[in-house]
């Protein structure tokens, strides 16, 4: 049940098991809020009209611009997100309408991205690394299909972890519709690792 009481994010106890995210209607953790610990296919059913800020206590999570976990994706790891611009820079949509927890797949990470659908054409293989620019690794081609062999990843439309985000879990994606893209363009990827704390909810590359 949403409440008009507004404890600060620091007052929320951190869960030691499972997933937990607190959604606030206004920026900077103000106004009505609602805690979510499992799939939330329609945010409006919780009583919140919109999401202006959020705190991920245990995660990770993926949010969607449309109900039913559809539309543009936004990946949230443990941390505080006081405004819209702390979780996206695409600005195409300013709404979050559904959420689901993301299951992590161990500590090893391996992904292969292919130029053409059905795992054909040129490819780039990445093992246990974050890659802020495919171009810097000599891969100039589009990405139309993906095999995630280990781990959970986020793909980005542009270099430097910018643009549209695509959650990539352990499975095969034979064409762009299966990972939610409208065009075959991914130019950077990074791993989602267990319970990392990124200051203010933003990922900062370490390389």
N, C-alpha and C. Protein backbone atom coordinates (compact mmCIF):
# COMPACT_ATOMS: atom_id res chain seq x y z
N UNK A 1 0.85 -1.19 0.00
CA UNK A 1 0.00 0.00 0.00
C UNK A 1 0.89 1.24 0.00
N UNK A 2 0.61 2.18 -0.90
CA UNK A 2 1.37 3.42 -0.93
C UNK A 2 1.06 4.22 0.32
N UNK A 3 2.01 5.03 0.73
CA UNK A 3 1.85 5.80 1.96
C UNK A 3 2.31 7.22 1.71
N UNK A 4 1.70 8.15 2.45
CA UNK A 4 2.13 9.53 2.32
C UNK A 4 3.31 9.83 3.23
N UNK A 5 3.61 8.94 4.15
CA UNK A 5 4.80 9.11 4.96
C UNK A 5 6.02 8.96 4.06
N UNK A 6 7.07 9.72 4.34
CA UNK A 6 8.20 9.73 3.42
C UNK A 6 9.51 9.57 4.17
N UNK A 7 9.85 8.35 4.60
CA UNK A 7 11.16 8.16 5.19
C UNK A 7 12.24 8.35 4.13
N UNK A 8 13.40 8.78 4.56
CA UNK A 8 14.49 8.95 3.59
C UNK A 8 14.97 7.57 3.16
N UNK A 9 15.65 7.46 2.01
CA UNK A 9 16.13 6.16 1.56
C UNK A 9 17.01 5.46 2.59
N UNK A 10 17.77 6.22 3.38
CA UNK A 10 18.67 5.61 4.35
C UNK A 10 17.91 4.90 5.47
N UNK A 11 16.63 5.25 5.66
CA UNK A 11 15.87 4.65 6.75
C UNK A 11 15.27 3.30 6.35
N UNK A 12 15.29 2.99 5.07
CA UNK A 12 14.74 1.71 4.65
C UNK A 12 15.74 0.60 4.98
N UNK A 13 15.33 -0.44 5.67
CA UNK A 13 16.25 -1.54 5.93
C UNK A 13 16.63 -2.25 4.64
N UNK A 14 17.90 -2.64 4.56
CA UNK A 14 18.36 -3.35 3.38
C UNK A 14 18.06 -4.83 3.53
N UNK A 15 17.33 -5.38 2.59
CA UNK A 15 16.98 -6.79 2.63
C UNK A 15 18.21 -7.64 2.37
N UNK A 16 18.32 -8.76 3.07
CA UNK A 16 19.46 -9.65 2.87
C UNK A 16 19.14 -10.79 1.93
N UNK A 17 17.90 -10.90 1.52
CA UNK A 17 17.52 -11.99 0.62
C UNK A 17 16.47 -11.48 -0.36
N UNK A 18 16.48 -12.06 -1.55
CA UNK A 18 15.48 -11.68 -2.53
C UNK A 18 15.76 -10.33 -3.15
N UNK A 19 14.74 -9.81 -3.81
CA UNK A 19 14.85 -8.53 -4.49
C UNK A 19 13.93 -7.51 -3.81
N UNK A 20 14.38 -6.26 -3.75
CA UNK A 20 13.56 -5.21 -3.16
C UNK A 20 13.91 -3.87 -3.78
N UNK A 21 12.88 -3.14 -4.21
CA UNK A 21 13.06 -1.82 -4.79
C UNK A 21 11.96 -0.91 -4.24
N UNK A 22 12.30 0.33 -3.91
CA UNK A 22 11.31 1.31 -3.46
C UNK A 22 11.15 2.38 -4.54
N UNK A 23 9.92 2.58 -4.98
CA UNK A 23 9.59 3.52 -6.04
C UNK A 23 8.92 4.74 -5.42
N UNK A 24 9.39 5.92 -5.80
CA UNK A 24 8.83 7.17 -5.28
C UNK A 24 8.18 7.94 -6.43
N UNK A 25 7.08 8.62 -6.10
CA UNK A 25 6.34 9.33 -7.14
C UNK A 25 7.06 10.60 -7.59
N UNK A 26 7.84 11.21 -6.70
CA UNK A 26 8.52 12.46 -7.03
C UNK A 26 10.03 12.28 -7.02
N UNK A 27 10.73 13.24 -7.60
CA UNK A 27 12.19 13.22 -7.60
C UNK A 27 12.72 13.32 -6.17
N UNK A 28 13.97 12.88 -6.00
CA UNK A 28 14.68 12.98 -4.72
C UNK A 28 13.94 12.29 -3.58
N UNK A 29 13.28 11.16 -3.92
CA UNK A 29 12.69 10.26 -2.92
C UNK A 29 11.60 10.95 -2.09
N UNK A 30 10.78 11.70 -2.77
CA UNK A 30 9.70 12.44 -2.10
C UNK A 30 8.33 11.90 -2.53
N UNK A 31 7.31 12.22 -1.73
CA UNK A 31 5.94 11.89 -2.08
C UNK A 31 5.56 10.45 -1.79
N UNK A 32 4.50 10.00 -2.43
CA UNK A 32 4.05 8.62 -2.26
C UNK A 32 5.16 7.65 -2.66
N UNK A 33 5.19 6.49 -2.00
CA UNK A 33 6.18 5.48 -2.39
C UNK A 33 5.55 4.10 -2.27
N UNK A 34 6.18 3.15 -2.94
CA UNK A 34 5.70 1.77 -2.90
C UNK A 34 6.90 0.84 -3.00
N UNK A 35 6.92 -0.19 -2.15
CA UNK A 35 8.00 -1.18 -2.18
C UNK A 35 7.57 -2.38 -3.02
N UNK A 36 8.47 -2.84 -3.86
CA UNK A 36 8.20 -3.97 -4.74
C UNK A 36 9.25 -5.05 -4.47
N UNK A 37 8.79 -6.28 -4.32
CA UNK A 37 9.71 -7.40 -4.07
C UNK A 37 9.57 -8.52 -5.10
N UNK A 38 8.74 -8.31 -6.10
CA UNK A 38 8.56 -9.32 -7.15
C UNK A 38 8.07 -8.65 -8.42
N UNK A 39 7.70 -9.42 -9.42
CA UNK A 39 7.24 -8.84 -10.69
C UNK A 39 6.08 -7.86 -10.50
N UNK A 40 6.13 -6.75 -11.21
CA UNK A 40 5.11 -5.72 -11.13
C UNK A 40 4.71 -5.34 -12.56
N UNK A 41 3.74 -6.06 -13.16
CA UNK A 41 3.41 -5.84 -14.56
C UNK A 41 2.66 -4.54 -14.85
N UNK A 42 2.07 -3.92 -13.81
CA UNK A 42 1.34 -2.68 -14.03
C UNK A 42 1.50 -1.80 -12.80
N UNK A 43 2.38 -0.82 -12.91
CA UNK A 43 2.70 0.02 -11.76
C UNK A 43 1.50 0.77 -11.23
N UNK A 44 0.58 1.18 -12.09
CA UNK A 44 -0.56 1.98 -11.63
C UNK A 44 -1.43 1.22 -10.64
N UNK A 45 -1.37 -0.11 -10.68
CA UNK A 45 -2.14 -0.90 -9.73
C UNK A 45 -1.62 -0.76 -8.30
N UNK A 46 -0.40 -0.23 -8.15
CA UNK A 46 0.16 -0.03 -6.81
C UNK A 46 -0.30 1.27 -6.19
N UNK A 47 -0.93 2.15 -6.97
CA UNK A 47 -1.35 3.43 -6.47
C UNK A 47 -0.45 4.59 -6.84
N UNK A 48 0.71 4.29 -7.45
CA UNK A 48 1.61 5.35 -7.90
C UNK A 48 1.22 5.79 -9.30
N UNK A 49 1.18 7.11 -9.52
CA UNK A 49 0.86 7.61 -10.85
C UNK A 49 2.06 7.61 -11.77
N UNK A 50 3.26 7.75 -11.18
CA UNK A 50 4.48 7.78 -11.97
C UNK A 50 5.65 7.48 -11.05
N UNK A 51 6.84 7.35 -11.62
CA UNK A 51 8.06 7.15 -10.84
C UNK A 51 9.00 8.32 -11.11
N UNK A 52 9.30 9.08 -10.06
CA UNK A 52 10.24 10.19 -10.20
C UNK A 52 11.62 9.88 -9.67
N UNK A 53 11.71 8.86 -8.79
CA UNK A 53 12.99 8.43 -8.23
C UNK A 53 12.81 7.04 -7.65
N UNK A 54 13.91 6.35 -7.37
CA UNK A 54 13.80 5.01 -6.80
C UNK A 54 15.09 4.62 -6.10
N UNK A 55 14.96 3.64 -5.22
CA UNK A 55 16.09 3.06 -4.50
C UNK A 55 16.05 1.55 -4.69
N UNK A 56 17.15 0.99 -5.19
CA UNK A 56 17.27 -0.47 -5.28
C UNK A 56 18.03 -0.95 -4.05
N UNK A 57 17.34 -1.66 -3.16
CA UNK A 57 17.96 -2.21 -1.96
C UNK A 57 18.69 -3.51 -2.29
N UNK A 58 18.01 -4.40 -2.99
CA UNK A 58 18.61 -5.63 -3.47
C UNK A 58 18.11 -5.84 -4.89
N UNK A 59 18.97 -6.27 -5.74
CA UNK A 59 18.61 -6.34 -7.15
C UNK A 59 19.48 -7.37 -7.87
N UNK A 60 19.59 -7.18 -9.16
CA UNK A 60 19.15 -6.06 -9.99
C UNK A 60 17.69 -6.19 -10.47
N UNK A 61 17.22 -5.11 -11.12
CA UNK A 61 15.88 -5.04 -11.66
C UNK A 61 15.93 -4.50 -13.08
N UNK A 62 14.85 -4.74 -13.83
CA UNK A 62 14.68 -4.07 -15.12
C UNK A 62 13.29 -3.43 -15.12
N UNK A 63 13.26 -2.15 -15.51
CA UNK A 63 12.01 -1.42 -15.63
C UNK A 63 11.67 -1.22 -17.10
N UNK A 64 10.39 -1.05 -17.39
CA UNK A 64 9.92 -0.89 -18.77
C UNK A 64 9.02 0.33 -18.88
N UNK A 65 9.03 0.96 -20.06
CA UNK A 65 8.19 2.15 -20.26
C UNK A 65 6.71 1.80 -20.43
N UNK A 66 6.40 0.54 -20.73
CA UNK A 66 5.02 0.13 -20.94
C UNK A 66 4.63 -0.95 -19.93
N UNK A 67 3.33 -1.11 -19.71
CA UNK A 67 2.86 -2.18 -18.85
C UNK A 67 3.16 -3.53 -19.51
N UNK A 68 3.12 -4.58 -18.70
CA UNK A 68 3.37 -5.92 -19.22
C UNK A 68 4.82 -6.16 -19.59
N UNK A 69 5.73 -5.34 -19.04
CA UNK A 69 7.17 -5.49 -19.29
C UNK A 69 7.48 -5.38 -20.78
N UNK A 70 6.99 -4.31 -21.40
CA UNK A 70 7.23 -4.06 -22.82
C UNK A 70 7.77 -2.66 -23.01
N UNK A 71 8.31 -2.42 -24.21
CA UNK A 71 8.83 -1.09 -24.53
C UNK A 71 10.27 -0.92 -24.10
N UNK A 72 10.70 0.34 -24.03
CA UNK A 72 12.09 0.64 -23.70
C UNK A 72 12.44 0.08 -22.32
N UNK A 73 13.69 -0.42 -22.19
CA UNK A 73 14.14 -1.08 -20.97
C UNK A 73 15.13 -0.19 -20.22
N UNK A 74 15.11 -0.32 -18.89
CA UNK A 74 16.04 0.39 -18.03
C UNK A 74 16.52 -0.57 -16.95
N UNK A 75 17.82 -0.80 -16.87
CA UNK A 75 18.38 -1.75 -15.92
C UNK A 75 18.82 -1.00 -14.65
N UNK A 76 18.41 -1.52 -13.50
CA UNK A 76 18.69 -0.90 -12.22
C UNK A 76 19.48 -1.86 -11.34
N UNK A 77 20.68 -1.43 -10.93
CA UNK A 77 21.45 -2.18 -9.96
C UNK A 77 21.37 -1.49 -8.60
N UNK A 78 21.93 -2.11 -7.59
CA UNK A 78 21.80 -1.58 -6.23
C UNK A 78 22.31 -0.14 -6.17
N UNK A 79 21.48 0.75 -5.62
CA UNK A 79 21.88 2.14 -5.54
C UNK A 79 20.68 3.07 -5.50
N UNK A 80 20.96 4.36 -5.48
CA UNK A 80 19.93 5.39 -5.42
C UNK A 80 19.84 6.10 -6.77
N UNK A 81 18.63 6.33 -7.23
CA UNK A 81 18.37 6.98 -8.51
C UNK A 81 17.43 8.16 -8.26
N UNK A 82 17.97 9.35 -7.96
CA UNK A 82 17.13 10.47 -7.51
C UNK A 82 16.33 11.16 -8.62
N UNK A 83 16.72 10.95 -9.88
CA UNK A 83 16.04 11.62 -10.99
C UNK A 83 16.06 10.72 -12.22
N UNK A 84 15.24 11.09 -13.18
CA UNK A 84 15.17 10.35 -14.44
C UNK A 84 16.53 10.23 -15.12
N UNK A 85 17.33 11.30 -15.11
CA UNK A 85 18.58 11.27 -15.86
C UNK A 85 19.67 10.44 -15.18
N UNK A 86 19.38 9.84 -14.00
CA UNK A 86 20.35 8.92 -13.41
C UNK A 86 20.16 7.49 -13.89
N UNK A 87 19.06 7.24 -14.63
CA UNK A 87 18.93 5.87 -15.16
C UNK A 87 18.81 5.81 -16.68
N UNK A 88 18.78 6.93 -17.35
CA UNK A 88 18.78 6.90 -18.81
C UNK A 88 19.29 8.21 -19.38
N UNK A 89 19.79 8.16 -20.61
CA UNK A 89 20.12 9.39 -21.32
C UNK A 89 19.44 9.42 -22.68
N UNK A 90 18.49 8.51 -22.90
CA UNK A 90 17.84 8.47 -24.22
C UNK A 90 16.73 9.51 -24.34
N UNK A 91 16.03 9.76 -23.22
CA UNK A 91 14.99 10.79 -23.16
C UNK A 91 13.83 10.58 -24.14
N UNK A 92 13.72 9.41 -24.72
CA UNK A 92 12.58 9.16 -25.60
C UNK A 92 11.30 9.07 -24.78
N UNK A 93 11.41 8.45 -23.63
CA UNK A 93 10.25 8.27 -22.78
C UNK A 93 10.62 8.65 -21.36
N UNK A 94 9.70 9.24 -20.62
CA UNK A 94 9.98 9.57 -19.22
C UNK A 94 9.05 8.80 -18.28
N UNK A 95 8.60 7.64 -18.73
CA UNK A 95 7.68 6.87 -17.89
C UNK A 95 8.22 5.48 -17.60
N UNK A 96 7.89 4.97 -16.42
CA UNK A 96 8.15 3.59 -16.04
C UNK A 96 6.80 2.99 -15.66
N UNK A 97 6.43 1.91 -16.31
CA UNK A 97 5.09 1.37 -16.11
C UNK A 97 5.09 -0.06 -15.57
N UNK A 98 6.24 -0.76 -15.61
CA UNK A 98 6.30 -2.13 -15.09
C UNK A 98 7.74 -2.47 -14.72
N UNK A 99 7.88 -3.46 -13.84
CA UNK A 99 9.19 -3.87 -13.33
C UNK A 99 9.23 -5.38 -13.18
N UNK A 100 10.44 -5.92 -13.27
CA UNK A 100 10.62 -7.32 -12.86
C UNK A 100 12.05 -7.50 -12.34
N UNK A 101 12.24 -8.40 -11.37
CA UNK A 101 13.58 -8.68 -10.88
C UNK A 101 14.39 -9.44 -11.91
N UNK A 102 15.70 -9.23 -11.89
CA UNK A 102 16.61 -9.90 -12.82
C UNK A 102 17.38 -10.98 -12.08
N UNK A 103 17.37 -12.17 -12.63
CA UNK A 103 18.10 -13.29 -12.03
C UNK A 103 19.54 -13.30 -12.55
N UNK A 104 20.48 -13.36 -11.65
CA UNK A 104 21.88 -13.42 -12.05
C UNK A 104 22.31 -14.86 -12.26
N UNK A 105 23.26 -15.03 -13.18
CA UNK A 105 23.73 -16.36 -13.54
C UNK A 105 25.21 -16.50 -13.21
N UNK A 106 25.50 -16.74 -11.94
CA UNK A 106 26.87 -17.04 -11.54
C UNK A 106 27.83 -15.88 -11.72
N UNK A 107 29.13 -16.18 -11.58
CA UNK A 107 30.16 -15.16 -11.63
C UNK A 107 30.89 -15.10 -12.97
N UNK A 108 30.74 -16.14 -13.79
CA UNK A 108 31.41 -16.13 -15.09
C UNK A 108 30.53 -15.45 -16.13
N UNK A 109 31.17 -14.81 -17.09
CA UNK A 109 30.44 -14.07 -18.12
C UNK A 109 31.04 -14.36 -19.49
N UNK A 110 30.16 -14.74 -20.42
CA UNK A 110 30.59 -14.95 -21.82
C UNK A 110 29.41 -14.64 -22.74
N UNK A 111 29.67 -13.82 -23.76
CA UNK A 111 28.62 -13.42 -24.70
C UNK A 111 29.22 -13.36 -26.11
N UNK A 112 28.43 -13.76 -27.09
CA UNK A 112 28.84 -13.67 -28.49
C UNK A 112 27.76 -12.90 -29.25
N UNK A 113 28.17 -11.84 -29.93
CA UNK A 113 27.24 -11.00 -30.69
C UNK A 113 27.53 -11.15 -32.17
N UNK A 114 26.47 -11.35 -32.97
CA UNK A 114 26.61 -11.67 -34.38
C UNK A 114 26.05 -10.56 -35.26
N UNK A 115 26.66 -10.41 -36.42
CA UNK A 115 26.24 -9.38 -37.38
C UNK A 115 24.84 -9.63 -37.91
N UNK A 116 24.50 -10.88 -38.22
CA UNK A 116 23.24 -11.21 -38.88
C UNK A 116 22.33 -12.03 -37.98
N UNK A 117 21.04 -12.11 -38.30
CA UNK A 117 20.15 -12.99 -37.54
C UNK A 117 20.59 -14.44 -37.59
N UNK A 118 20.10 -15.23 -36.64
CA UNK A 118 20.36 -16.68 -36.58
C UNK A 118 21.84 -17.00 -36.47
N UNK A 119 22.59 -16.11 -35.76
CA UNK A 119 23.97 -16.40 -35.36
C UNK A 119 24.89 -16.60 -36.56
N UNK A 120 24.79 -15.71 -37.54
CA UNK A 120 25.62 -15.79 -38.74
C UNK A 120 26.32 -14.46 -38.97
N UNK A 121 27.28 -14.47 -39.86
CA UNK A 121 28.05 -13.27 -40.19
C UNK A 121 29.19 -13.05 -39.21
N UNK A 122 29.78 -11.86 -39.28
CA UNK A 122 30.89 -11.53 -38.38
C UNK A 122 30.39 -11.53 -36.94
N UNK A 123 31.32 -11.75 -36.00
CA UNK A 123 30.93 -11.83 -34.60
C UNK A 123 32.01 -11.25 -33.71
N UNK A 124 31.60 -10.89 -32.50
CA UNK A 124 32.54 -10.47 -31.46
C UNK A 124 32.22 -11.28 -30.21
N UNK A 125 33.25 -11.88 -29.62
CA UNK A 125 33.09 -12.72 -28.43
C UNK A 125 33.75 -12.02 -27.25
N UNK A 126 33.03 -11.94 -26.14
CA UNK A 126 33.52 -11.23 -24.96
C UNK A 126 33.44 -12.16 -23.77
N UNK A 127 34.55 -12.28 -23.05
CA UNK A 127 34.62 -13.16 -21.88
C UNK A 127 35.09 -12.34 -20.68
N UNK A 128 34.27 -12.32 -19.62
CA UNK A 128 34.64 -11.69 -18.35
C UNK A 128 35.24 -10.30 -18.53
N UNK A 129 34.52 -9.44 -19.26
CA UNK A 129 35.01 -8.09 -19.45
C UNK A 129 33.82 -7.18 -19.78
N UNK A 130 34.00 -5.88 -19.50
CA UNK A 130 33.06 -4.86 -19.95
C UNK A 130 33.69 -4.16 -21.14
N UNK A 131 32.92 -3.92 -22.17
CA UNK A 131 33.46 -3.33 -23.40
C UNK A 131 32.72 -2.02 -23.70
N UNK A 132 33.35 -0.87 -23.42
CA UNK A 132 32.67 0.41 -23.65
C UNK A 132 32.56 0.80 -25.12
N UNK A 133 33.33 0.15 -26.01
CA UNK A 133 33.25 0.47 -27.43
C UNK A 133 33.66 -0.72 -28.28
N UNK A 134 32.71 -1.26 -29.03
CA UNK A 134 33.04 -2.33 -29.96
C UNK A 134 34.00 -1.83 -31.04
N UNK A 135 33.86 -0.57 -31.44
CA UNK A 135 34.72 -0.02 -32.49
C UNK A 135 36.19 -0.08 -32.07
N UNK A 136 36.45 0.16 -30.78
CA UNK A 136 37.82 0.11 -30.29
C UNK A 136 38.40 -1.29 -30.38
N UNK A 137 37.54 -2.30 -30.46
CA UNK A 137 37.98 -3.68 -30.60
C UNK A 137 37.92 -4.14 -32.06
N UNK A 138 37.68 -3.19 -32.95
CA UNK A 138 37.69 -3.52 -34.38
C UNK A 138 36.41 -4.08 -34.93
N UNK A 139 35.34 -4.04 -34.12
CA UNK A 139 34.05 -4.56 -34.60
C UNK A 139 33.17 -3.38 -35.00
N UNK A 140 32.99 -3.19 -36.30
CA UNK A 140 32.22 -2.06 -36.82
C UNK A 140 30.81 -2.46 -37.24
N UNK A 141 30.51 -3.76 -37.21
CA UNK A 141 29.27 -4.25 -37.79
C UNK A 141 28.08 -4.08 -36.86
N UNK A 142 26.91 -4.30 -37.43
CA UNK A 142 25.67 -4.29 -36.65
C UNK A 142 25.59 -5.56 -35.80
N UNK A 143 24.63 -5.57 -34.88
CA UNK A 143 24.38 -6.75 -34.04
C UNK A 143 22.92 -7.16 -34.24
N UNK A 144 22.73 -8.35 -34.82
CA UNK A 144 21.38 -8.82 -35.14
C UNK A 144 20.96 -10.05 -34.34
N UNK A 145 21.92 -10.77 -33.77
CA UNK A 145 21.59 -11.92 -32.94
C UNK A 145 22.68 -12.08 -31.88
N UNK A 146 22.32 -12.73 -30.78
CA UNK A 146 23.22 -12.79 -29.62
C UNK A 146 23.08 -14.14 -28.93
N UNK A 147 24.22 -14.67 -28.49
CA UNK A 147 24.22 -15.84 -27.61
C UNK A 147 24.86 -15.44 -26.29
N UNK A 148 24.09 -15.53 -25.21
CA UNK A 148 24.63 -15.32 -23.87
C UNK A 148 24.89 -16.69 -23.29
N UNK A 149 26.17 -17.04 -23.17
CA UNK A 149 26.55 -18.37 -22.69
C UNK A 149 26.69 -18.41 -21.18
N UNK A 150 27.13 -17.30 -20.59
CA UNK A 150 27.25 -17.21 -19.13
C UNK A 150 26.98 -15.78 -18.69
N UNK A 151 26.40 -15.65 -17.51
CA UNK A 151 26.22 -14.35 -16.91
C UNK A 151 25.01 -13.60 -17.42
N UNK A 152 24.83 -12.41 -16.87
CA UNK A 152 23.77 -11.49 -17.26
C UNK A 152 24.42 -10.18 -17.68
N UNK A 153 23.97 -9.62 -18.80
CA UNK A 153 24.62 -8.47 -19.41
C UNK A 153 23.62 -7.37 -19.71
N UNK A 154 24.15 -6.16 -19.97
CA UNK A 154 23.37 -5.07 -20.53
C UNK A 154 24.06 -4.63 -21.82
N UNK A 155 23.30 -4.61 -22.92
CA UNK A 155 23.81 -4.07 -24.17
C UNK A 155 23.30 -2.65 -24.35
N UNK A 156 24.12 -1.81 -24.98
CA UNK A 156 23.76 -0.41 -25.20
C UNK A 156 23.84 -0.07 -26.68
N UNK A 157 22.96 0.81 -27.09
CA UNK A 157 22.89 1.22 -28.49
C UNK A 157 24.18 1.91 -28.96
N UNK A 158 24.79 2.70 -28.08
CA UNK A 158 25.94 3.51 -28.46
C UNK A 158 27.16 3.18 -27.60
N UNK A 159 28.36 3.58 -28.04
CA UNK A 159 29.54 3.42 -27.18
C UNK A 159 29.39 4.20 -25.87
N UNK A 160 30.16 3.80 -24.87
CA UNK A 160 30.13 4.49 -23.59
C UNK A 160 28.90 4.22 -22.77
N UNK A 161 28.22 3.07 -23.03
CA UNK A 161 27.04 2.68 -22.26
C UNK A 161 25.95 3.75 -22.36
N UNK A 162 25.65 4.17 -23.58
CA UNK A 162 24.65 5.21 -23.82
C UNK A 162 23.56 4.70 -24.77
N UNK A 163 22.46 5.41 -24.79
CA UNK A 163 21.37 5.06 -25.68
C UNK A 163 20.47 3.99 -25.10
N UNK A 164 19.71 3.35 -25.96
CA UNK A 164 18.80 2.31 -25.51
C UNK A 164 19.56 1.19 -24.81
N UNK A 165 18.92 0.61 -23.77
CA UNK A 165 19.50 -0.49 -23.01
C UNK A 165 18.75 -1.78 -23.34
N UNK A 166 19.50 -2.89 -23.35
CA UNK A 166 18.89 -4.19 -23.60
C UNK A 166 19.40 -5.18 -22.57
N UNK A 167 18.50 -5.70 -21.74
CA UNK A 167 18.86 -6.74 -20.79
C UNK A 167 19.11 -8.03 -21.55
N UNK A 168 20.27 -8.64 -21.32
CA UNK A 168 20.67 -9.86 -22.03
C UNK A 168 20.95 -10.95 -21.00
N UNK A 169 19.97 -11.84 -20.82
CA UNK A 169 20.11 -12.93 -19.87
C UNK A 169 20.61 -14.19 -20.59
N UNK A 170 20.93 -15.21 -19.84
CA UNK A 170 21.54 -16.41 -20.40
C UNK A 170 20.54 -17.16 -21.29
N UNK A 171 20.71 -17.00 -22.61
CA UNK A 171 19.84 -17.64 -23.60
C UNK A 171 20.31 -17.21 -24.99
N UNK A 172 19.66 -17.72 -26.01
CA UNK A 172 19.92 -17.31 -27.39
C UNK A 172 18.87 -16.29 -27.83
N UNK A 173 19.31 -15.28 -28.55
CA UNK A 173 18.42 -14.26 -29.14
C UNK A 173 18.66 -14.30 -30.64
N UNK A 174 17.75 -14.91 -31.40
CA UNK A 174 18.03 -15.16 -32.81
C UNK A 174 17.82 -13.95 -33.71
N UNK A 175 17.11 -12.93 -33.21
CA UNK A 175 17.00 -11.69 -33.98
C UNK A 175 16.72 -10.54 -33.01
N UNK A 176 16.68 -9.32 -33.53
CA UNK A 176 16.61 -8.15 -32.66
C UNK A 176 15.30 -8.07 -31.88
N UNK A 177 14.23 -8.64 -32.41
CA UNK A 177 12.95 -8.57 -31.69
C UNK A 177 13.03 -9.34 -30.37
N UNK A 178 13.91 -10.33 -30.30
CA UNK A 178 13.99 -11.14 -29.08
C UNK A 178 14.70 -10.44 -27.93
N UNK A 179 15.52 -9.41 -28.23
CA UNK A 179 16.08 -8.65 -27.13
C UNK A 179 15.51 -7.23 -27.05
N UNK A 180 14.47 -6.96 -27.84
CA UNK A 180 13.70 -5.74 -27.67
C UNK A 180 14.18 -4.54 -28.45
N UNK A 181 15.03 -4.75 -29.47
CA UNK A 181 15.55 -3.63 -30.25
C UNK A 181 14.71 -3.38 -31.50
N UNK A 182 14.75 -2.16 -31.99
CA UNK A 182 14.09 -1.81 -33.23
C UNK A 182 15.05 -1.78 -34.41
N UNK A 183 16.34 -1.66 -34.13
CA UNK A 183 17.35 -1.72 -35.18
C UNK A 183 18.56 -2.49 -34.66
N UNK A 184 19.34 -3.13 -35.54
CA UNK A 184 20.44 -4.00 -35.12
C UNK A 184 21.69 -3.22 -34.72
N UNK A 185 21.58 -2.47 -33.63
CA UNK A 185 22.68 -1.61 -33.22
C UNK A 185 22.97 -1.77 -31.74
N UNK A 186 24.06 -2.44 -31.42
CA UNK A 186 24.61 -2.48 -30.07
C UNK A 186 26.10 -2.17 -30.20
N UNK A 187 26.59 -1.20 -29.43
CA UNK A 187 27.98 -0.78 -29.58
C UNK A 187 28.78 -0.82 -28.28
N UNK A 188 28.14 -1.23 -27.18
CA UNK A 188 28.88 -1.45 -25.94
C UNK A 188 28.08 -2.42 -25.07
N UNK A 189 28.79 -3.17 -24.24
CA UNK A 189 28.13 -4.09 -23.30
C UNK A 189 28.88 -4.08 -21.97
N UNK A 190 28.14 -4.38 -20.91
CA UNK A 190 28.79 -4.57 -19.61
C UNK A 190 28.07 -5.67 -18.85
N UNK A 191 28.78 -6.21 -17.88
CA UNK A 191 28.24 -7.29 -17.06
C UNK A 191 27.41 -6.72 -15.91
N UNK A 192 26.36 -7.44 -15.53
CA UNK A 192 25.67 -7.16 -14.27
C UNK A 192 26.24 -8.12 -13.25
N UNK A 193 26.80 -7.56 -12.20
CA UNK A 193 27.41 -8.40 -11.16
C UNK A 193 26.68 -8.21 -9.84
N UNK A 194 26.81 -9.18 -8.97
CA UNK A 194 25.96 -9.28 -7.80
C UNK A 194 26.17 -8.13 -6.82
N UNK A 195 25.09 -7.39 -6.56
CA UNK A 195 25.01 -6.44 -5.46
C UNK A 195 26.07 -5.34 -5.49
N UNK A 196 26.44 -4.91 -6.66
CA UNK A 196 27.39 -3.80 -6.72
C UNK A 196 26.68 -2.50 -6.35
N UNK A 197 27.43 -1.60 -5.77
CA UNK A 197 26.89 -0.29 -5.44
C UNK A 197 27.55 0.73 -6.36
N UNK A 198 26.78 1.30 -7.26
CA UNK A 198 27.29 2.35 -8.14
C UNK A 198 26.79 3.69 -7.60
N UNK A 199 27.69 4.60 -7.34
CA UNK A 199 27.33 5.87 -6.73
C UNK A 199 26.20 6.55 -7.51
N UNK A 200 25.16 6.89 -6.79
CA UNK A 200 23.99 7.58 -7.35
C UNK A 200 23.33 6.79 -8.48
N UNK A 201 23.60 5.50 -8.51
CA UNK A 201 22.91 4.66 -9.48
C UNK A 201 23.48 4.70 -10.88
N UNK A 202 24.65 5.32 -11.07
CA UNK A 202 25.22 5.43 -12.41
C UNK A 202 26.43 4.53 -12.52
N UNK A 203 26.53 3.84 -13.65
CA UNK A 203 27.70 2.98 -13.86
C UNK A 203 28.87 3.81 -14.35
N UNK A 204 30.01 3.68 -13.68
CA UNK A 204 31.22 4.37 -14.10
C UNK A 204 32.24 3.32 -14.54
N UNK A 205 32.64 3.29 -15.80
CA UNK A 205 33.63 2.31 -16.24
C UNK A 205 34.95 2.51 -15.49
N UNK A 206 35.61 1.42 -15.19
CA UNK A 206 36.86 1.49 -14.41
C UNK A 206 38.10 1.50 -15.29
N UNK A 207 37.91 1.18 -16.58
CA UNK A 207 39.08 1.14 -17.45
C UNK A 207 39.48 2.52 -17.91
